[in-house]
Amino acid sequence: MRKDVDSAMYLVLALLLSAAVVVSGCSPKHSENTATPSPAQPATPTAQPASAGKPGESMDWNQVCLNATIKAIQMEIGKYNTWLQTANGSNKQMYQKALEYLQAELKKYENMKPEDYKVGSAFHYIPGVTIGSYGRGDLSKPNPIELKEAWSRGNLPGIIDYKGMSRSGPFYIVVGVKGGDFSAIKPGVHYRMKLVPIMPESYPFTSYYVCVESFEEVK
C-alpha cells in the first residue's frame, strides 16, 4: 500500500515541508524528481552483515537482531546518499551529518559481538534530523508489535502490508527473521506476526525497521 501512495504523498508533503522551511528553516526539502528510495528495494549495501552461520543452521536471536541493525543502517545510508545528490543549503548539511553519524554506527555494529548486542540499542532518531514526523517528539518504547494478518508483496527484506494498515502507516520494514531465514516468509502468504522494532526509518510518517520474532500462517 505504501508504494501505491508514495508519489501522491510526496507532492502533498513537498507543499507542507516548503511551508515548514519558511517557519523553522530546518525541515528537509525534497526535489520533485527525487523520491525516497523504497525500503523494499534498498540500495546495494556497502558492507556485509555479520556472519549468517552455516546453511540450515538456526541463527541466534541476538545475531539476527544485530544483522538486522546493520542492514537497517545500510539502507539508511543508501537513502541519505541519494538525497544528498540533490540537496543544498541546510538540508545538505543535515544529510552530511546524518551520513557521518550512520557510518560511525555501522562501524560500531559491524565490530560488535552478538552477545554484546542489546535489542533496542539503535532505537532512536539520528541526531539533528527532522523529516516530517521523524525527529520530532519522543519515541515510544520499542515494545513488540502484534499483527493479526500481515504479508509481503515480494521477497524479504522489505516492507510488509497488514490488515488495518492506513495510508499514513505505521509502516514496517522487515530486516530480520527469527532463525535468519527470510525465505521462510513467503510472498503473498498471510501470517500472524510478532514484530520487534529495531530502529525508526527516516521517513515523513511513522515507520520502523523490524525483526519478525514469530509468525504463523493464517488459515
Protein backbone atom coordinates (compact mmCIF):
# COMPACT_ATOMS: atom_id res chain seq x y z
CA MET A 1 0.00 0.00 0.00
CA ARG A 2 2.83 2.38 0.83
CA LYS A 3 4.27 2.18 -2.68
CA ASP A 4 0.85 2.97 -4.14
CA VAL A 5 0.55 6.25 -2.27
CA ASP A 6 4.19 7.44 -2.01
CA SER A 7 4.10 9.52 -5.20
CA ALA A 8 0.92 11.37 -4.28
CA MET A 9 2.04 11.74 -0.68
CA TYR A 10 5.32 13.38 -1.67
CA LEU A 11 3.52 16.00 -3.75
CA VAL A 12 1.47 16.94 -0.69
CA LEU A 13 4.49 16.62 1.59
CA ALA A 14 6.51 18.93 -0.62
CA LEU A 15 3.96 21.70 -0.06
CA LEU A 16 3.88 21.07 3.70
CA LEU A 17 7.66 20.96 4.01
CA SER A 18 8.04 24.12 1.95
CA ALA A 19 5.84 25.93 4.44
CA ALA A 20 7.72 24.37 7.34
CA VAL A 21 11.06 25.51 5.95
CA VAL A 22 9.86 29.08 5.97
CA VAL A 23 8.83 28.77 9.60
CA SER A 24 11.68 26.71 11.01
CA GLY A 25 14.37 26.62 8.35
CA CYS A 26 15.22 23.06 9.35
CA SER A 27 12.81 20.71 7.55
CA PRO A 28 14.23 18.82 4.56
CA LYS A 29 13.37 19.85 1.01
CA HIS A 30 12.50 17.06 -1.41
CA SER A 31 13.12 17.55 -5.11
CA GLU A 32 10.15 16.81 -7.37
CA ASN A 33 12.42 14.45 -9.27
CA THR A 34 13.85 12.72 -6.21
CA ALA A 35 11.70 10.34 -4.19
CA THR A 36 12.78 8.44 -1.11
CA PRO A 37 14.38 5.11 -2.09
CA SER A 38 11.88 2.34 -1.31
CA PRO A 39 12.84 0.14 1.65
CA ALA A 40 11.59 -2.82 -0.37
CA GLN A 41 14.33 -2.04 -2.91
CA PRO A 42 17.28 -0.93 -0.75
CA ALA A 43 20.50 0.44 -2.13
CA THR A 44 23.32 -2.06 -2.53
CA PRO A 45 24.91 -2.45 0.92
CA THR A 46 28.38 -1.00 1.29
CA ALA A 47 29.35 -3.64 3.84
CA GLN A 48 28.33 -7.19 4.61
CA PRO A 49 26.25 -8.09 7.70
CA ALA A 50 27.77 -10.19 10.46
CA SER A 51 28.19 -13.90 9.79
CA ALA A 52 24.97 -15.63 8.85
CA GLY A 53 26.11 -19.03 10.11
CA LYS A 54 26.16 -22.36 8.28
CA PRO A 55 23.42 -23.38 5.81
CA GLY A 56 20.49 -24.97 7.61
CA GLU A 57 21.71 -23.69 10.97
CA SER A 58 19.22 -21.66 13.00
CA MET A 59 20.67 -18.28 13.86
CA ASP A 60 20.82 -16.97 17.41
CA TRP A 61 18.23 -14.23 18.10
CA ASN A 62 20.86 -11.71 19.12
CA GLN A 63 22.73 -12.43 15.88
CA VAL A 64 19.51 -11.96 13.89
CA CYS A 65 18.85 -8.59 15.52
CA LEU A 66 22.46 -7.47 15.15
CA ASN A 67 22.42 -8.36 11.44
CA ALA A 68 19.08 -6.57 11.13
CA THR A 69 20.51 -3.43 12.71
CA ILE A 70 23.43 -3.47 10.27
CA LYS A 71 21.03 -3.95 7.36
CA ALA A 72 18.80 -1.09 8.52
CA ILE A 73 21.77 1.26 8.84
CA GLN A 74 22.98 0.29 5.36
CA MET A 75 19.54 1.07 3.94
CA GLU A 76 19.53 4.45 5.67
CA ILE A 77 22.98 5.22 4.29
CA GLY A 78 21.79 4.41 0.78
CA LYS A 79 18.82 6.72 1.25
CA TYR A 80 20.85 9.68 2.52
CA ASN A 81 23.42 9.25 -0.24
CA THR A 82 20.59 9.55 -2.77
CA TRP A 83 19.09 12.61 -1.06
CA LEU A 84 22.48 14.27 -0.83
CA GLN A 85 22.83 14.28 -4.62
CA THR A 86 20.17 16.98 -4.99
CA ALA A 87 20.31 18.64 -1.56
CA ASN A 88 21.51 22.17 -0.86
CA GLY A 89 21.82 24.63 2.00
CA SER A 90 20.77 23.45 5.45
CA ASN A 91 19.36 20.20 4.04
CA LYS A 92 22.74 19.28 2.58
CA GLN A 93 24.46 19.91 5.90
CA MET A 94 21.84 17.84 7.71
CA TYR A 95 22.23 14.91 5.34
CA GLN A 96 26.02 15.04 5.51
CA LYS A 97 25.96 14.98 9.31
CA ALA A 98 23.44 12.13 9.21
CA LEU A 99 25.74 10.14 6.95
CA GLU A 100 28.71 10.72 9.22
CA TYR A 101 26.65 9.51 12.16
CA LEU A 102 25.34 6.46 10.28
CA GLN A 103 28.82 5.47 9.09
CA ALA A 104 30.05 5.56 12.69
CA GLU A 105 27.03 3.49 13.82
CA LEU A 106 27.63 0.98 11.03
CA LYS A 107 31.26 0.52 12.07
CA LYS A 108 30.22 0.11 15.71
CA TYR A 109 27.67 -2.63 15.00
CA GLU A 110 29.84 -4.41 12.43
CA ASN A 111 32.53 -4.78 15.10
CA MET A 112 30.08 -5.85 17.81
CA LYS A 113 29.78 -9.42 19.06
CA PRO A 114 26.24 -10.86 19.12
CA GLU A 115 26.43 -11.46 22.87
CA ASP A 116 27.12 -7.74 23.39
CA TYR A 117 24.15 -6.59 21.32
CA LYS A 118 21.05 -5.34 23.12
CA VAL A 119 17.72 -5.15 21.31
CA GLY A 120 16.58 -1.53 21.31
CA SER A 121 20.08 -0.05 21.43
CA ALA A 122 19.61 1.51 17.96
CA PHE A 123 16.03 2.62 18.56
CA HIS A 124 16.48 6.38 18.43
CA TYR A 125 16.41 9.22 15.93
CA ILE A 126 19.51 10.31 14.05
CA PRO A 127 20.66 13.41 15.99
CA GLY A 128 19.73 16.68 14.29
CA VAL A 129 17.49 15.13 11.62
CA THR A 130 13.86 16.16 11.13
CA ILE A 131 11.80 14.75 8.25
CA GLY A 132 8.05 15.08 8.64
CA SER A 133 7.24 13.46 11.98
CA TYR A 134 10.70 11.87 12.17
CA GLY A 135 12.92 13.57 14.73
CA ARG A 136 10.04 15.39 16.38
CA GLY A 137 8.68 14.39 19.76
CA ASP A 138 9.62 11.42 21.89
CA LEU A 139 9.79 7.90 20.54
CA SER A 140 7.66 5.31 22.27
CA LYS A 141 9.45 2.33 23.76
CA PRO A 142 10.32 -0.40 21.23
CA ASN A 143 7.71 -2.81 22.55
CA PRO A 144 6.77 -5.89 20.48
CA ILE A 145 4.06 -5.32 17.88
CA GLU A 146 1.44 -7.99 17.14
CA LEU A 147 -0.19 -8.08 13.70
CA LYS A 148 -3.16 -10.40 13.24
CA GLU A 149 -2.71 -10.58 9.48
CA ALA A 150 0.36 -9.41 7.56
CA TRP A 151 2.02 -10.29 4.28
CA SER A 152 4.84 -9.27 1.96
CA ARG A 153 4.44 -8.49 -1.73
CA GLY A 154 7.92 -9.70 -2.60
CA ASN A 155 10.91 -11.42 -1.07
CA LEU A 156 12.21 -10.06 2.20
CA PRO A 157 13.96 -7.96 3.45
CA GLY A 158 11.43 -5.29 2.63
CA ILE A 159 8.19 -3.63 3.61
CA ILE A 160 5.14 -5.62 4.66
CA ASP A 161 1.45 -4.85 4.39
CA TYR A 162 -1.05 -5.71 7.11
CA LYS A 163 -4.77 -5.73 7.75
CA GLY A 164 -5.92 -2.33 9.00
CA MET A 165 -2.89 -0.50 7.58
CA SER A 166 -3.60 3.15 6.78
CA ARG A 167 -2.11 5.32 4.05
CA SER A 168 -0.03 7.12 6.68
CA GLY A 169 1.27 3.99 8.39
CA PRO A 170 2.72 2.92 10.66
CA PHE A 171 4.96 1.15 8.16
CA TYR A 172 7.13 -1.85 8.98
CA ILE A 173 10.27 -2.83 7.06
CA VAL A 174 11.41 -6.36 7.86
CA VAL A 175 15.20 -6.58 8.11
CA GLY A 176 15.42 -9.75 10.20
CA VAL A 177 13.53 -13.01 10.77
CA LYS A 178 13.95 -15.36 13.72
CA GLY A 179 16.22 -18.20 12.66
CA GLY A 180 17.80 -15.99 10.00
CA ASP A 181 15.86 -17.38 7.02
CA PHE A 182 13.97 -14.65 5.13
CA SER A 183 12.61 -17.22 2.67
CA ALA A 184 10.56 -18.80 5.46
CA ILE A 185 8.06 -15.96 4.93
CA LYS A 186 6.52 -16.48 1.50
CA PRO A 187 5.37 -13.51 -0.61
CA GLY A 188 1.59 -13.19 -0.70
CA VAL A 189 1.01 -15.61 2.19
CA HIS A 190 -0.83 -14.08 5.16
CA TYR A 191 0.66 -14.55 8.63
CA ARG A 192 0.07 -13.61 12.23
CA MET A 193 3.29 -11.84 13.16
CA LYS A 194 5.08 -10.60 16.23
CA LEU A 195 7.49 -7.79 15.34
CA VAL A 196 10.33 -6.30 17.37
CA PRO A 197 11.24 -2.70 16.41
CA ILE A 198 14.96 -2.26 15.70
CA MET A 199 15.18 1.41 14.69
CA PRO A 200 12.97 4.12 13.19
CA GLU A 201 13.20 4.80 9.47
CA SER A 202 13.95 8.31 8.22
CA TYR A 203 10.53 8.86 6.67
CA PRO A 204 7.85 11.59 6.90
CA PHE A 205 5.35 9.21 8.54
CA THR A 206 5.85 6.68 11.34
CA SER A 207 7.95 3.81 10.00
CA TYR A 208 10.18 1.23 11.67
CA TYR A 209 12.77 -1.34 10.72
CA VAL A 210 11.74 -4.56 12.48
CA CYS A 211 12.64 -8.17 13.16
CA VAL A 212 10.00 -10.88 12.95
CA GLU A 213 10.19 -12.74 16.26
CA SER A 214 7.41 -15.19 15.41
CA PHE A 215 4.96 -15.86 12.58
CA GLU A 216 2.16 -18.33 11.89
CA GLU A 217 0.24 -18.73 8.66
CA VAL A 218 -3.37 -17.52 8.75
CA LYS A 219 -5.56 -20.38 7.57
